[in-house]
C-alpha atoms as a PDB file:
ATOM      1  CA  MET A   1       0.000   0.000   0.000  1.00  0.00           C
ATOM      2  CA  GLY A   2       1.154   3.552  -0.658  1.00  0.00           C
ATOM      3  CA  TYR A   3       0.830   6.403   1.815  1.00  0.00           C
ATOM      4  CA  GLY A   4       2.603   9.741   2.260  1.00  0.00           C
ATOM      5  CA  GLN A   5       4.912   9.451  -0.741  1.00  0.00           C
ATOM      6  CA  HIS A   6       3.908  12.906  -2.005  1.00  0.00           C
ATOM      7  CA  GLN A   7       5.922  14.674   0.745  1.00  0.00           C
ATOM      8  CA  SER A   8       2.773  16.793   1.359  1.00  0.00           C
ATOM      9  CA  PHE A   9       3.079  18.430  -2.101  1.00  0.00           C
ATOM     10  CA  TYR A  10       0.226  18.008  -4.563  1.00  0.00           C
ATOM     11  CA  LEU A  11       0.826  17.814  -8.311  1.00  0.00           C
ATOM     12  CA  ARG A  12       1.485  21.121 -10.112  1.00  0.00           C
ATOM     13  CA  ILE A  13       0.638  21.873 -13.736  1.00  0.00           C
ATOM     14  CA  TYR A  14       4.203  22.232 -15.054  1.00  0.00           C
ATOM     15  CA  TRP A  15       5.860  19.515 -13.029  1.00  0.00           C
ATOM     16  CA  LEU A  16       5.197  16.598 -15.384  1.00  0.00           C
ATOM     17  CA  ARG A  17       6.680  18.404 -18.372  1.00  0.00           C
ATOM     18  CA  LYS A  18       9.721  19.426 -16.316  1.00  0.00           C
ATOM     19  CA  ALA A  19      10.267  15.818 -15.277  1.00  0.00           C
ATOM     20  CA  ILE A  20      10.071  14.518 -18.843  1.00  0.00           C
ATOM     21  CA  GLN A  21      12.615  17.105 -19.999  1.00  0.00           C
ATOM     22  CA  GLN A  22      15.068  16.026 -17.323  1.00  0.00           C
ATOM     23  CA  ILE A  23      14.560  12.298 -17.866  1.00  0.00           C
ATOM     24  CA  ASN A  24      15.116  12.720 -21.603  1.00  0.00           C
ATOM     25  CA  ARG A  25      18.512  14.215 -20.741  1.00  0.00           C
ATOM     26  CA  ASN A  26      19.369  11.724 -18.005  1.00  0.00           C
ATOM     27  CA  ASN A  27      17.243   8.705 -17.184  1.00  0.00           C
ATOM     28  CA  ARG A  28      18.757   8.619 -13.687  1.00  0.00           C
ATOM     29  CA  PHE A  29      17.881  12.254 -13.022  1.00  0.00           C
ATOM     30  CA  PHE A  30      15.837  11.519  -9.881  1.00  0.00           C
ATOM     31  CA  TYR A  31      18.771   9.681  -8.322  1.00  0.00           C
ATOM     32  CA  GLU A  32      21.320  12.456  -8.881  1.00  0.00           C
ATOM     33  CA  LYS A  33      22.539  14.579  -5.953  1.00  0.00           C
ATOM     34  CA  ASP A  34      22.054  17.829  -7.888  1.00  0.00           C
ATOM     35  CA  ALA A  35      18.518  17.017  -9.141  1.00  0.00           C
ATOM     36  CA  SER A  36      17.016  19.791  -7.035  1.00  0.00           C
ATOM     37  CA  GLU A  37      19.320  22.442  -8.534  1.00  0.00           C
ATOM     38  CA  LEU A  38      18.834  21.210 -12.086  1.00  0.00           C
ATOM     39  CA  ILE A  39      15.040  21.329 -11.996  1.00  0.00           C
ATOM     40  CA  GLY A  40      14.673  24.354  -9.728  1.00  0.00           C
ATOM     41  CA  LEU A  41      12.603  22.685  -7.014  1.00  0.00           C
ATOM     42  CA  GLY A  42      13.274  21.977  -3.358  1.00  0.00           C
ATOM     43  CA  PRO A  43      14.592  18.501  -2.422  1.00  0.00           C
ATOM     44  CA  ASN A  44      11.248  17.352  -1.007  1.00  0.00           C
ATOM     45  CA  MET A  45       9.426  18.671  -4.071  1.00  0.00           C
ATOM     46  CA  VAL A  46      11.742  16.564  -6.243  1.00  0.00           C
ATOM     47  CA  LYS A  47      10.804  13.492  -4.200  1.00  0.00           C
ATOM     48  CA  SER A  48       7.154  14.444  -4.602  1.00  0.00           C
ATOM     49  CA  LEU A  49       7.555  14.871  -8.359  1.00  0.00           C
ATOM     50  CA  LYS A  50       9.142  11.423  -8.617  1.00  0.00           C
ATOM     51  CA  HIS A  51       6.055  10.042  -6.900  1.00  0.00           C
ATOM     52  CA  TRP A  52       3.596  11.876  -9.174  1.00  0.00           C
ATOM     53  CA  ILE A  53       5.231  10.959 -12.493  1.00  0.00           C
ATOM     54  CA  GLU A  54       4.903   7.302 -11.548  1.00  0.00           C
ATOM     55  CA  ALA A  55       1.382   7.652 -10.125  1.00  0.00           C
ATOM     56  CA  ALA A  56       0.171   9.494 -13.248  1.00  0.00           C
ATOM     57  CA  ASP A  57       1.751   6.857 -15.522  1.00  0.00           C
ATOM     58  CA  ILE A  58       4.013   9.434 -17.145  1.00  0.00           C
ATOM     59  CA  CYS A  59       7.145   7.428 -16.343  1.00  0.00           C
ATOM     60  CA  GLU A  60       8.003   4.001 -15.034  1.00  0.00           C
ATOM     61  CA  THR A  61      11.093   2.529 -13.409  1.00  0.00           C
ATOM     62  CA  ASP A  62      13.384   0.036 -15.070  1.00  0.00           C
ATOM     63  CA  LYS A  63      16.913  -1.268 -14.587  1.00  0.00           C
ATOM     64  CA  ARG A  64      19.874  -0.327 -16.726  1.00  0.00           C
ATOM     65  CA  GLU A  65      21.351  -3.377 -18.409  1.00  0.00           C
ATOM     66  CA  GLU A  66      25.022  -2.573 -17.899  1.00  0.00           C
ATOM     67  CA  ASP A  67      24.929  -2.051 -14.125  1.00  0.00           C
ATOM     68  CA  SER A  68      21.324  -2.824 -12.995  1.00  0.00           C
ATOM     69  CA  LYS A  69      20.884   0.710 -11.652  1.00  0.00           C
ATOM     70  CA  VAL A  70      17.310   2.008 -11.496  1.00  0.00           C
ATOM     71  CA  ILE A  71      16.312   4.394 -14.284  1.00  0.00           C
ATOM     72  CA  HIS A  72      13.116   6.079 -15.451  1.00  0.00           C
ATOM     73  CA  LYS A  73      11.525   5.468 -18.839  1.00  0.00           C
ATOM     74  CA  ILE A  74       8.828   7.586 -20.461  1.00  0.00           C
ATOM     75  CA  THR A  75       5.647   5.489 -20.775  1.00  0.00           C
ATOM     76  CA  PRO A  76       3.519   5.394 -23.951  1.00  0.00           C
ATOM     77  CA  PHE A  77       1.063   7.757 -22.253  1.00  0.00           C
ATOM     78  CA  GLY A  78       3.940   9.995 -21.171  1.00  0.00           C
ATOM     79  CA  SER A  79       5.050  10.286 -24.785  1.00  0.00           C
ATOM     80  CA  ILE A  80       1.538  11.171 -25.966  1.00  0.00           C
ATOM     81  CA  PHE A  81       1.201  13.677 -23.135  1.00  0.00           C
ATOM     82  CA  ASN A  82       4.539  15.314 -23.966  1.00  0.00           C
ATOM     83  CA  ASP A  83       3.844  15.448 -27.705  1.00  0.00           C
ATOM     84  CA  TYR A  84       0.301  16.811 -27.608  1.00  0.00           C
ATOM     85  CA  ASP A  85      -0.676  18.404 -24.289  1.00  0.00           C
ATOM     86  CA  PRO A  86       2.306  18.932 -21.934  1.00  0.00           C
ATOM     87  CA  TYR A  87       0.667  21.981 -20.324  1.00  0.00           C
ATOM     88  CA  ILE A  88      -2.562  20.080 -19.588  1.00  0.00           C
ATOM     89  CA  GLU A  89      -4.796  22.457 -21.501  1.00  0.00           C
ATOM     90  CA  LEU A  90      -7.412  19.805 -22.318  1.00  0.00           C
ATOM     91  CA  ASN A  91      -9.818  18.443 -19.733  1.00  0.00           C
ATOM     92  CA  ASP A  92      -9.326  14.999 -21.279  1.00  0.00           C
ATOM     93  CA  THR A  93      -5.661  15.086 -20.263  1.00  0.00           C
ATOM     94  CA  ALA A  94      -6.448  16.108 -16.677  1.00  0.00           C
ATOM     95  CA  SER A  95      -9.134  13.397 -16.538  1.00  0.00           C
ATOM     96  CA  ILE A  96      -6.728  10.698 -17.733  1.00  0.00           C
ATOM     97  CA  ILE A  97      -4.064  11.769 -15.236  1.00  0.00           C
ATOM     98  CA  HIS A  98      -6.694  11.627 -12.487  1.00  0.00           C
ATOM     99  CA  TYR A  99      -7.801   8.189 -13.666  1.00  0.00           C
ATOM    100  CA  HIS A 100      -4.223   6.870 -13.594  1.00  0.00           C
ATOM    101  CA  ILE A 101      -3.796   8.130 -10.027  1.00  0.00           C
ATOM    102  CA  VAL A 102      -6.971   6.476  -8.709  1.00  0.00           C
ATOM    103  CA  ASP A 103      -7.240   3.283 -10.801  1.00  0.00           C
ATOM    104  CA  LYS A 104      -4.928   1.197  -8.599  1.00  0.00           C
ATOM    105  CA  LYS A 105      -4.234   0.892  -4.888  1.00  0.00           C
ATOM    106  CA  GLU A 106      -0.566   1.817  -5.172  1.00  0.00           C
ATOM    107  CA  PRO A 107       1.132   4.230  -4.934  1.00  0.00           C
ATOM    108  CA  CYS A 108      -1.880   6.449  -4.002  1.00  0.00           C
ATOM    109  CA  THR A 109      -3.969   4.247  -1.729  1.00  0.00           C
ATOM    110  CA  THR A 110      -5.906   7.122  -0.171  1.00  0.00           C
ATOM    111  CA  TRP A 111      -6.819   8.475  -3.612  1.00  0.00           C
ATOM    112  CA  TYR A 112      -7.950   5.015  -4.739  1.00  0.00           C
ATOM    113  CA  TRP A 113     -10.041   4.631  -1.588  1.00  0.00           C
ATOM    114  CA  LEU A 114     -11.807   7.976  -1.821  1.00  0.00           C
ATOM    115  CA  PHE A 115     -12.800   7.624  -5.478  1.00  0.00           C
ATOM    116  CA  ASN A 116     -13.517   3.876  -5.581  1.00  0.00           C
ATOM    117  CA  ASP A 117     -14.479   2.642  -2.117  1.00  0.00           C
ATOM    118  CA  TYR A 118     -15.731   5.614  -0.135  1.00  0.00           C
ATOM    119  CA  GLU A 119     -19.506   5.781  -0.445  1.00  0.00           C
ATOM    120  CA  LYS A 120     -20.149   9.084   1.305  1.00  0.00           C
ATOM    121  CA  SER A 121     -20.920  11.977  -1.026  1.00  0.00           C
ATOM    122  CA  SER A 122     -20.169  14.625   1.625  1.00  0.00           C
ATOM    123  CA  PHE A 123     -17.933  14.564   4.664  1.00  0.00           C
ATOM    124  CA  LYS A 124     -15.710  16.578   6.967  1.00  0.00           C
ATOM    125  CA  LYS A 125     -11.959  16.057   6.812  1.00  0.00           C
ATOM    126  CA  GLU A 126     -11.826  14.460  10.263  1.00  0.00           C
ATOM    127  CA  GLU A 127     -14.673  12.146   9.307  1.00  0.00           C
ATOM    128  CA  ALA A 128     -12.863  11.023   6.153  1.00  0.00           C
ATOM    129  CA  LEU A 129      -9.680  10.395   8.134  1.00  0.00           C
ATOM    130  CA  ASN A 130     -11.515   8.174  10.630  1.00  0.00           C
ATOM    131  CA  ASP A 131     -13.283   6.313   7.816  1.00  0.00           C
ATOM    132  CA  LEU A 132      -9.982   5.797   5.973  1.00  0.00           C
ATOM    133  CA  MET A 133      -8.339   4.343   9.082  1.00  0.00           C
ATOM    134  CA  ALA A 134     -11.324   2.050   9.626  1.00  0.00           C
ATOM    135  CA  TRP A 135     -11.124   0.850   5.996  1.00  0.00           C
ATOM    136  CA  ILE A 136      -7.405   0.109   6.310  1.00  0.00           C
ATOM    137  CA  ASN A 137      -7.831  -1.711   9.606  1.00  0.00           C
ATOM    138  CA  LYS A 138     -10.659  -3.808   8.187  1.00  0.00           C
ATOM    139  CA  ASN A 139      -8.963  -4.789   4.935  1.00  0.00           C
ATOM    140  CA  TYR A 140      -5.202  -4.821   5.584  1.00  0.00           C
ATOM    141  CA  ASP A 141      -2.716  -5.940   8.208  1.00  0.00           C
ATOM    142  CA  THR A 142      -0.535  -2.873   7.711  1.00  0.00           C
ATOM    143  CA  ARG A 143      -0.673  -0.016  10.196  1.00  0.00           C
ATOM    144  CA  ASN A 144       0.029   3.606   9.384  1.00  0.00           C
ATOM    145  CA  SER A 145       0.371   6.605  11.637  1.00  0.00           C
ATOM    146  CA  GLU A 146      -2.590   8.924  11.885  1.00  0.00           C
ATOM    147  CA  ASP A 147      -0.310  11.837  10.947  1.00  0.00           C
ATOM    148  CA  THR A 148       0.672  10.169   7.652  1.00  0.00           C
ATOM    149  CA  LEU A 149      -2.940   9.485   6.712  1.00  0.00           C
ATOM    150  CA  GLU A 150      -3.963  13.004   7.696  1.00  0.00           C
ATOM    151  CA  ARG A 151      -1.271  14.387   5.369  1.00  0.00           C
ATOM    152  CA  ASP A 152      -2.713  12.187   2.620  1.00  0.00           C
ATOM    153  CA  ILE A 153      -6.188  13.615   3.131  1.00  0.00           C
ATOM    154  CA  ASP A 154      -4.833  17.188   3.241  1.00  0.00           C
ATOM    155  CA  CYS A 155      -2.811  16.705   0.054  1.00  0.00           C
ATOM    156  CA  LEU A 156      -5.721  15.081  -1.758  1.00  0.00           C
ATOM    157  CA  LEU A 157      -8.079  17.927  -0.899  1.00  0.00           C
ATOM    158  CA  LYS A 158      -5.573  20.553  -2.022  1.00  0.00           C
ATOM    159  CA  GLN A 159      -5.033  18.662  -5.251  1.00  0.00           C
ATOM    160  CA  TYR A 160      -8.718  18.779  -6.181  1.00  0.00           C
ATOM    161  CA  CYS A 161     -10.158  21.877  -4.558  1.00  0.00           C
ATOM    162  CA  SER A 162      -7.351  24.185  -3.439  1.00  0.00           C
ATOM    163  CA  ARG A 163      -7.480  27.834  -4.480  1.00  0.00           C
ATOM    164  CA  ASN A 164      -4.906  29.127  -1.999  1.00  0.00           C
ATOM    165  CA  ILE A 165      -2.366  31.733  -3.065  1.00  0.00           C
ATOM    166  CA  SER A 166       1.068  31.894  -1.437  1.00  0.00           C
ATOM    167  CA  ASN A 167       4.205  34.023  -1.794  1.00  0.00           C
ATOM    168  CA  ASP A 168       6.043  30.872  -2.856  1.00  0.00           C
ATOM    169  CA  PRO A 169       6.019  30.845  -6.688  1.00  0.00           C
ATOM    170  CA  GLU A 170       5.617  27.072  -6.733  1.00  0.00           C
ATOM    171  CA  GLU A 171       2.582  27.318  -4.444  1.00  0.00           C
ATOM    172  CA  VAL A 172       0.836  29.793  -6.742  1.00  0.00           C
ATOM    173  CA  ILE A 173       0.629  27.130  -9.432  1.00  0.00           C
ATOM    174  CA  GLN A 174      -2.573  25.174  -9.009  1.00  0.00           C
ATOM    175  CA  SER A 175      -2.999  21.477  -9.432  1.00  0.00           C
ATOM    176  CA  PRO A 176      -4.218  20.600 -12.942  1.00  0.00           C
ATOM    177  CA  LEU A 177      -6.899  18.434 -11.335  1.00  0.00           C
ATOM    178  CA  THR A 178      -8.802  21.368  -9.840  1.00  0.00           C
ATOM    179  CA  THR A 179     -10.244  22.041 -13.321  1.00  0.00           C
ATOM    180  CA  LEU A 180     -12.204  18.790 -13.125  1.00  0.00           C
ATOM    181  CA  ASN A 181     -14.280  20.117 -10.204  1.00  0.00           C
ATOM    182  CA  LEU A 182     -14.645  16.647  -8.666  1.00  0.00           C
ATOM    183  CA  LEU A 183     -14.473  17.880  -5.074  1.00  0.00           C
ATOM    184  CA  GLU A 184     -15.818  21.074  -3.537  1.00  0.00           C
ATOM    185  CA  GLU A 185     -15.155  22.518  -0.104  1.00  0.00           C
ATOM    186  CA  ARG A 186     -17.894  24.611   1.463  1.00  0.00           C
ATOM    187  CA  GLU A 187     -18.049  25.779   5.073  1.00  0.00           C
ATOM    188  CA  GLY A 188     -15.660  23.130   6.334  1.00  0.00           C
ATOM    189  CA  LYS A 189     -17.301  20.242   4.507  1.00  0.00           C
ATOM    190  CA  ILE A 190     -16.167  18.393   1.380  1.00  0.00           C
ATOM    191  CA  TYR A 191     -18.642  17.415  -1.327  1.00  0.00           C
ATOM    192  CA  LYS A 192     -18.170  14.993  -4.201  1.00  0.00           C
ATOM    193  CA  ALA A 193     -19.315  17.113  -7.113  1.00  0.00           C
ATOM    194  CA  SER A 194     -21.139  15.569 -10.075  1.00  0.00           C
ATOM    195  CA  PRO A 195     -19.753  17.056 -13.293  1.00  0.00           C
ATOM    196  CA  LYS A 196     -21.261  17.091 -16.745  1.00  0.00           C
ATOM    197  CA  TYR A 197     -19.671  14.464 -18.947  1.00  0.00           C
ATOM    198  CA  GLU A 198     -18.311  17.199 -21.222  1.00  0.00           C
ATOM    199  CA  GLN A 199     -16.150  18.394 -18.322  1.00  0.00           C
ATOM    200  CA  VAL A 200     -14.500  14.992 -18.194  1.00  0.00           C
ATOM    201  CA  GLY A 201     -14.176  14.615 -21.976  1.00  0.00           C
ATOM    202  CA  LEU A 202     -15.337  11.940 -24.397  1.00  0.00           C
ATOM    203  CA  THR A 203     -11.777  10.901 -25.204  1.00  0.00           C
ATOM    204  CA  ALA A 204     -11.008  10.282 -21.531  1.00  0.00           C
ATOM    205  CA  LEU A 205     -14.260   8.390 -20.989  1.00  0.00           C
ATOM    206  CA  MET A 206     -13.637   6.144 -23.993  1.00  0.00           C
ATOM    207  CA  TYR A 207     -10.050   5.565 -22.870  1.00  0.00           C
ATOM    208  CA  VAL A 208     -11.275   4.381 -19.448  1.00  0.00           C
ATOM    209  CA  LEU A 209     -13.704   1.988 -21.147  1.00  0.00           C
ATOM    210  CA  LEU A 210     -10.924   0.549 -23.298  1.00  0.00           C
ATOM    211  CA  LYS A 211      -8.650   0.168 -20.278  1.00  0.00           C
ATOM    212  CA  TYR A 212     -11.464  -1.653 -18.450  1.00  0.00           C
ATOM    213  CA  GLY A 213     -11.206  -4.239 -21.207  1.00  0.00           C
ATOM    214  CA  GLN A 214     -14.724  -5.722 -21.287  1.00  0.00           C
ATOM    215  CA  ASN A 215     -16.705  -6.265 -24.503  1.00  0.00           C
ATOM    216  CA  GLU A 216     -19.980  -5.628 -22.689  1.00  0.00           C
ATOM    217  CA  VAL A 217     -20.591  -3.195 -19.844  1.00  0.00           C
ATOM    218  CA  SER A 218     -23.971  -2.336 -18.346  1.00  0.00           C
ATOM    219  CA  ILE A 219     -25.015   1.155 -17.337  1.00  0.00           C
ATOM    220  CA  ASP A 220     -25.234  -0.176 -13.772  1.00  0.00           C
ATOM    221  CA  GLU A 221     -21.564  -1.188 -13.953  1.00  0.00           C
ATOM    222  CA  LEU A 222     -20.547   2.152 -15.392  1.00  0.00           C
ATOM    223  CA  GLU A 223     -22.307   3.831 -12.508  1.00  0.00           C
ATOM    224  CA  ARG A 224     -21.280   1.587  -9.599  1.00  0.00           C
ATOM    225  CA  SER A 225     -18.174  -0.452 -10.409  1.00  0.00           C
ATOM    226  CA  LYS A 226     -14.716   0.508  -9.261  1.00  0.00           C
ATOM    227  CA  LYS A 227     -12.441   2.102 -11.874  1.00  0.00           C
ATOM    228  CA  LEU A 228     -15.400   3.154 -14.014  1.00  0.00           C
ATOM    229  CA  TRP A 229     -17.151   6.445 -14.675  1.00  0.00           C
ATOM    230  CA  GLY A 230     -19.547   6.737 -11.755  1.00  0.00           C
ATOM    231  CA  LYS A 231     -16.820   6.115  -9.198  1.00  0.00           C
ATOM    232  CA  VAL A 232     -13.766   7.691 -10.811  1.00  0.00           C
ATOM    233  CA  PHE A 233     -15.491  10.850 -12.093  1.00  0.00           C
ATOM    234  CA  ASN A 234     -18.550  11.036  -9.802  1.00  0.00           C
ATOM    235  CA  LEU A 235     -20.794  10.856 -12.883  1.00  0.00           C
ATOM    236  CA  GLN A 236     -24.505  10.473 -12.239  1.00  0.00           C
ATOM    237  CA  ARG A 237     -26.468   7.840 -14.165  1.00  0.00           C
ATOM    238  CA  SER A 238     -28.173  10.448 -16.370  1.00  0.00           C
ATOM    239  CA  GLU A 239     -24.774  11.852 -17.397  1.00  0.00           C
ATOM    240  CA  ILE A 240     -23.440   8.354 -18.068  1.00  0.00           C
ATOM    241  CA  VAL A 241     -26.351   7.669 -20.435  1.00  0.00           C
ATOM    242  CA  ARG A 242     -25.858  11.051 -22.153  1.00  0.00           C
ATOM    243  CA  ALA A 243     -22.155  10.321 -22.610  1.00  0.00           C
ATOM    244  CA  ILE A 244     -22.833   6.871 -24.080  1.00  0.00           C
ATOM    245  CA  GLU A 245     -25.396   8.307 -26.481  1.00  0.00           C
ATOM    246  CA  ASP A 246     -22.903  10.950 -27.611  1.00  0.00           C
ATOM    247  CA  LEU A 247     -20.137   8.369 -28.053  1.00  0.00           C
ATOM    248  CA  VAL A 248     -22.439   6.089 -30.067  1.00  0.00           C
ATOM    249  CA  SER A 249     -23.574   8.937 -32.306  1.00  0.00           C
ATOM    250  CA  THR A 250     -19.966   9.755 -33.229  1.00  0.00           C
ATOM    251  CA  SER A 251     -18.705   7.212 -35.734  1.00  0.00           C
ATOM    252  CA  ARG A 252     -15.074   7.187 -34.601  1.00  0.00           C
ATOM    253  CA  TYR A 253     -16.005   5.583 -31.261  1.00  0.00           C
ATOM    254  CA  PRO A 254     -16.550   1.788 -31.571  1.00  0.00           C
ATOM    255  CA  LEU A 255     -19.652   1.480 -29.375  1.00  0.00           C
ATOM    256  CA  GLU A 256     -23.186   0.140 -29.542  1.00  0.00           C
ATOM    257  CA  PHE A 257     -25.897   0.877 -26.982  1.00  0.00           C
ATOM    258  CA  ASP A 258     -28.522  -1.840 -26.531  1.00  0.00           C
ATOM    259  CA  ARG A 259     -31.562  -0.620 -24.579  1.00  0.00           C
ATOM    260  CA  THR A 260     -33.917  -3.455 -25.568  1.00  0.00           C
ATOM    261  CA  ASN A 261     -35.627  -5.355 -22.746  1.00  0.00           C
ATOM    262  CA  ARG A 262     -34.186  -2.782 -20.349  1.00  0.00           C
ATOM    263  CA  LEU A 263     -30.751  -4.355 -20.638  1.00  0.00           C
ATOM    264  CA  ASP A 264     -28.963  -1.008 -21.046  1.00  0.00           C
ATOM    265  CA  LEU A 265     -25.849  -2.761 -22.326  1.00  0.00           C
ATOM    266  CA  VAL A 266     -22.892  -1.012 -23.923  1.00  0.00           C
ATOM    267  CA  ARG A 267     -21.013  -3.155 -26.435  1.00  0.00           C
ATOM    268  CA  VAL A 268     -17.407  -2.125 -26.925  1.00  0.00           C
ATOM    269  CA  THR A 269     -15.125  -3.034 -29.810  1.00  0.00           C
ATOM    270  CA  LEU A 270     -11.860  -3.258 -27.916  1.00  0.00           C
ATOM    271  CA  LEU A 271      -8.956  -1.324 -29.366  1.00  0.00           C
ATOM    272  CA  ASN A 272      -5.453  -0.696 -28.125  1.00  0.00           C
ATOM    273  CA  PRO A 273      -6.024   2.138 -25.594  1.00  0.00           C
ATOM    274  CA  MET A 274      -2.766   3.927 -26.426  1.00  0.00           C
ATOM    275  CA  GLN A 275      -3.275   3.742 -30.164  1.00  0.00           C
ATOM    276  CA  PHE A 276      -6.779   5.117 -29.677  1.00  0.00           C
ATOM    277  CA  LEU A 277      -5.443   7.907 -27.477  1.00  0.00           C
ATOM    278  CA  LYS A 278      -2.723   8.910 -29.929  1.00  0.00           C
ATOM    279  CA  GLU A 279      -5.191   9.095 -32.809  1.00  0.00           C
ATOM    280  CA  GLU A 280      -7.541  11.210 -30.677  1.00  0.00           C
ATOM    281  CA  TYR A 281      -4.814  13.677 -29.759  1.00  0.00           C
ATOM    282  CA  ILE A 282      -3.701  13.943 -33.373  1.00  0.00           C
ATOM    283  CA  ARG A 283      -7.294  14.726 -34.312  1.00  0.00           C
ATOM    284  CA  LYS A 284      -7.608  17.286 -31.505  1.00  0.00           C
ATOM    285  CA  GLU A 285      -4.375  18.952 -32.602  1.00  0.00           C
ATOM    286  CA  ARG A 286      -5.754  19.356 -36.126  1.00  0.00           C
ATOM    287  CA  VAL A 287      -9.013  20.788 -34.786  1.00  0.00           C
ATOM    288  CA  LEU A 288      -7.188  23.268 -32.525  1.00  0.00           C
ATOM    289  CA  ARG A 289      -5.166  24.525 -35.473  1.00  0.00           C
END
């Protein structure tokens, strides 16, 4: 399980691009003593960035053949990200990064829990912390300090709903995930917000379906199953249906929607998710021109 690896720093908009630039120059950048000076971030921020590039599936670790030292490699998604939207200007990109962070239990266990397992749609921070500890104690033998888990909750909330401004230039930069409006803080309480599907993006939604890897998915599954739209993006059933209808009506998306006998089944022609994503970003680039 993964807790506290972010060093209390949430992801910033320009960090992923900075990391890719450095790794392209030196695939052992994050293990160099002068990494902090080279990238212009504090030592703990560099550790945090290392965590986020792996959590967002921008980079992955490998071992160098000649000496078995650990290196970083740009992932297929990292290459697409760097080529087409390194400044995270598209909601689809932010949505996919969010999905990568929450679609597995490591290295962001608290993020996975809140978006896949936690059923409450509104809660106070202290309430979420107690519920997280109860979930861990029920499901795992590991024990974590309350302080570590509290830092997780704090970092998560800042990553999705922070609007604070600081004198620190790095603090001024908001998390790219705030644009998704998945969490809202009002009068000391946190609410899971229900966005319109357009805010998530059809490309991101289709990508998640392809990554799920099932030829048939019901609307109930899309709404209630872990790692799918209702959980990951807080989408309500009506928005899920609207999104499916829009995807079906657009010929480039390989979907069929069967509503006979109240089955509400979505039939998916499975494609390579990365090939699909690259073609979508190429198309978006042409449209933006």
